[in-house]
Amino acid sequence: MPAAELADVAAQVVAILRSGSPIAFAETKRLVTAAAGRDLPAQLDDEAATIAQVIDRPDGLAGIQAFLDKRTPSFG
């Protein structure tokens, strides 16, 4: 990949990471890391529990409200 193209792709990734929920990204990273060491039922249980916890946090509520309002969410 040419350096100029790499810089463009890196800028796109940074923009995505800046616009997302830090809590959701952290929990996703934790879930992906944990997945390699456990069976599917245990992973699905953890994912369901994580969703239930994150959805009640400010970022989760902001995401739901943005979806209902048909707008891009803004995370604090």
C-alpha atoms as a PDB file:
ATOM      1  CA  MET A   1       0.000   0.000   0.000  1.00  0.00           C
ATOM      2  CA  PRO A   2       1.435   3.385  -0.945  1.00  0.00           C
ATOM      3  CA  ALA A   3       2.264   5.691   1.954  1.00  0.00           C
ATOM      4  CA  ALA A   4      -0.313   8.292   0.883  1.00  0.00           C
ATOM      5  CA  GLU A   5      -3.046   5.664   0.778  1.00  0.00           C
ATOM      6  CA  LEU A   6      -1.965   4.311   4.163  1.00  0.00           C
ATOM      7  CA  ALA A   7      -2.203   7.778   5.684  1.00  0.00           C
ATOM      8  CA  ASP A   8      -5.742   8.163   4.307  1.00  0.00           C
ATOM      9  CA  VAL A   9      -6.823   4.793   5.684  1.00  0.00           C
ATOM     10  CA  ALA A  10      -5.232   5.570   9.058  1.00  0.00           C
ATOM     11  CA  ALA A  11      -7.090   8.892   9.172  1.00  0.00           C
ATOM     12  CA  GLN A  12     -10.370   7.091   8.454  1.00  0.00           C
ATOM     13  CA  VAL A  13      -9.743   4.606  11.269  1.00  0.00           C
ATOM     14  CA  VAL A  14      -8.890   7.428  13.681  1.00  0.00           C
ATOM     15  CA  ALA A  15     -12.108   9.246  12.730  1.00  0.00           C
ATOM     16  CA  ILE A  16     -14.142   6.098  13.421  1.00  0.00           C
ATOM     17  CA  LEU A  17     -12.460   5.579  16.792  1.00  0.00           C
ATOM     18  CA  ARG A  18     -12.970   9.215  17.800  1.00  0.00           C
ATOM     19  CA  SER A  19     -16.663   9.106  16.929  1.00  0.00           C
ATOM     20  CA  GLY A  20     -17.454   5.910  18.825  1.00  0.00           C
ATOM     21  CA  SER A  21     -18.156   5.094  22.423  1.00  0.00           C
ATOM     22  CA  PRO A  22     -14.941   4.496  24.384  1.00  0.00           C
ATOM     23  CA  ILE A  23     -16.832   2.153  26.703  1.00  0.00           C
ATOM     24  CA  ALA A  24     -18.193   0.094  23.807  1.00  0.00           C
ATOM     25  CA  PHE A  25     -14.751  -0.130  22.182  1.00  0.00           C
ATOM     26  CA  ALA A  26     -13.134  -1.207  25.454  1.00  0.00           C
ATOM     27  CA  GLU A  27     -15.761  -3.874  26.102  1.00  0.00           C
ATOM     28  CA  THR A  28     -15.534  -5.121  22.512  1.00  0.00           C
ATOM     29  CA  LYS A  29     -11.764  -5.450  22.850  1.00  0.00           C
ATOM     30  CA  ARG A  30     -12.195  -7.344  26.115  1.00  0.00           C
ATOM     31  CA  LEU A  31     -14.768  -9.702  24.578  1.00  0.00           C
ATOM     32  CA  VAL A  32     -12.665 -10.405  21.485  1.00  0.00           C
ATOM     33  CA  THR A  33      -9.592 -11.105  23.617  1.00  0.00           C
ATOM     34  CA  ALA A  34     -11.541 -13.436  25.921  1.00  0.00           C
ATOM     35  CA  ALA A  35     -13.175 -15.334  23.044  1.00  0.00           C
ATOM     36  CA  ALA A  36     -10.038 -17.284  22.177  1.00  0.00           C
ATOM     37  CA  GLY A  37      -9.972 -18.984  25.559  1.00  0.00           C
ATOM     38  CA  ARG A  38     -13.547 -20.139  26.019  1.00  0.00           C
ATOM     39  CA  ASP A  39     -16.402 -22.024  24.452  1.00  0.00           C
ATOM     40  CA  LEU A  40     -19.265 -20.424  22.544  1.00  0.00           C
ATOM     41  CA  PRO A  41     -21.910 -20.643  25.298  1.00  0.00           C
ATOM     42  CA  ALA A  42     -19.600 -18.916  27.801  1.00  0.00           C
ATOM     43  CA  GLN A  43     -18.737 -16.229  25.248  1.00  0.00           C
ATOM     44  CA  LEU A  44     -22.377 -15.590  24.407  1.00  0.00           C
ATOM     45  CA  ASP A  45     -23.253 -15.355  28.103  1.00  0.00           C
ATOM     46  CA  ASP A  46     -20.518 -12.756  28.619  1.00  0.00           C
ATOM     47  CA  GLU A  47     -21.625 -10.805  25.539  1.00  0.00           C
ATOM     48  CA  ALA A  48     -25.240 -10.722  26.736  1.00  0.00           C
ATOM     49  CA  ALA A  49     -24.194  -9.609  30.221  1.00  0.00           C
ATOM     50  CA  THR A  50     -21.927  -6.927  28.766  1.00  0.00           C
ATOM     51  CA  ILE A  51     -24.677  -5.549  26.531  1.00  0.00           C
ATOM     52  CA  ALA A  52     -27.051  -5.423  29.498  1.00  0.00           C
ATOM     53  CA  GLN A  53     -24.489  -3.466  31.536  1.00  0.00           C
ATOM     54  CA  VAL A  54     -23.341  -1.060  28.808  1.00  0.00           C
ATOM     55  CA  ILE A  55     -26.809  -0.182  27.574  1.00  0.00           C
ATOM     56  CA  ASP A  56     -27.666   1.499  30.888  1.00  0.00           C
ATOM     57  CA  ARG A  57     -24.551   3.684  30.889  1.00  0.00           C
ATOM     58  CA  PRO A  58     -24.616   7.207  29.469  1.00  0.00           C
ATOM     59  CA  ASP A  59     -22.967   6.124  26.201  1.00  0.00           C
ATOM     60  CA  GLY A  60     -25.469   3.313  25.738  1.00  0.00           C
ATOM     61  CA  LEU A  61     -28.394   5.609  26.375  1.00  0.00           C
ATOM     62  CA  ALA A  62     -26.923   8.230  24.016  1.00  0.00           C
ATOM     63  CA  GLY A  63     -26.592   5.614  21.295  1.00  0.00           C
ATOM     64  CA  ILE A  64     -30.169   4.447  21.698  1.00  0.00           C
ATOM     65  CA  GLN A  65     -31.505   8.008  21.685  1.00  0.00           C
ATOM     66  CA  ALA A  66     -29.485   8.872  18.581  1.00  0.00           C
ATOM     67  CA  PHE A  67     -30.891   5.809  16.822  1.00  0.00           C
ATOM     68  CA  LEU A  68     -34.435   6.777  17.747  1.00  0.00           C
ATOM     69  CA  ASP A  69     -33.792  10.355  16.604  1.00  0.00           C
ATOM     70  CA  LYS A  70     -32.208   9.077  13.359  1.00  0.00           C
ATOM     71  CA  ARG A  71     -29.013  11.033  13.970  1.00  0.00           C
ATOM     72  CA  THR A  72     -25.338  10.326  14.584  1.00  0.00           C
ATOM     73  CA  PRO A  73     -24.621   9.762  18.292  1.00  0.00           C
ATOM     74  CA  SER A  74     -22.326  11.995  20.306  1.00  0.00           C
ATOM     75  CA  PHE A  75     -20.397  10.271  23.086  1.00  0.00           C
ATOM     76  CA  GLY A  76     -18.858  12.113  26.017  1.00  0.00           C
END
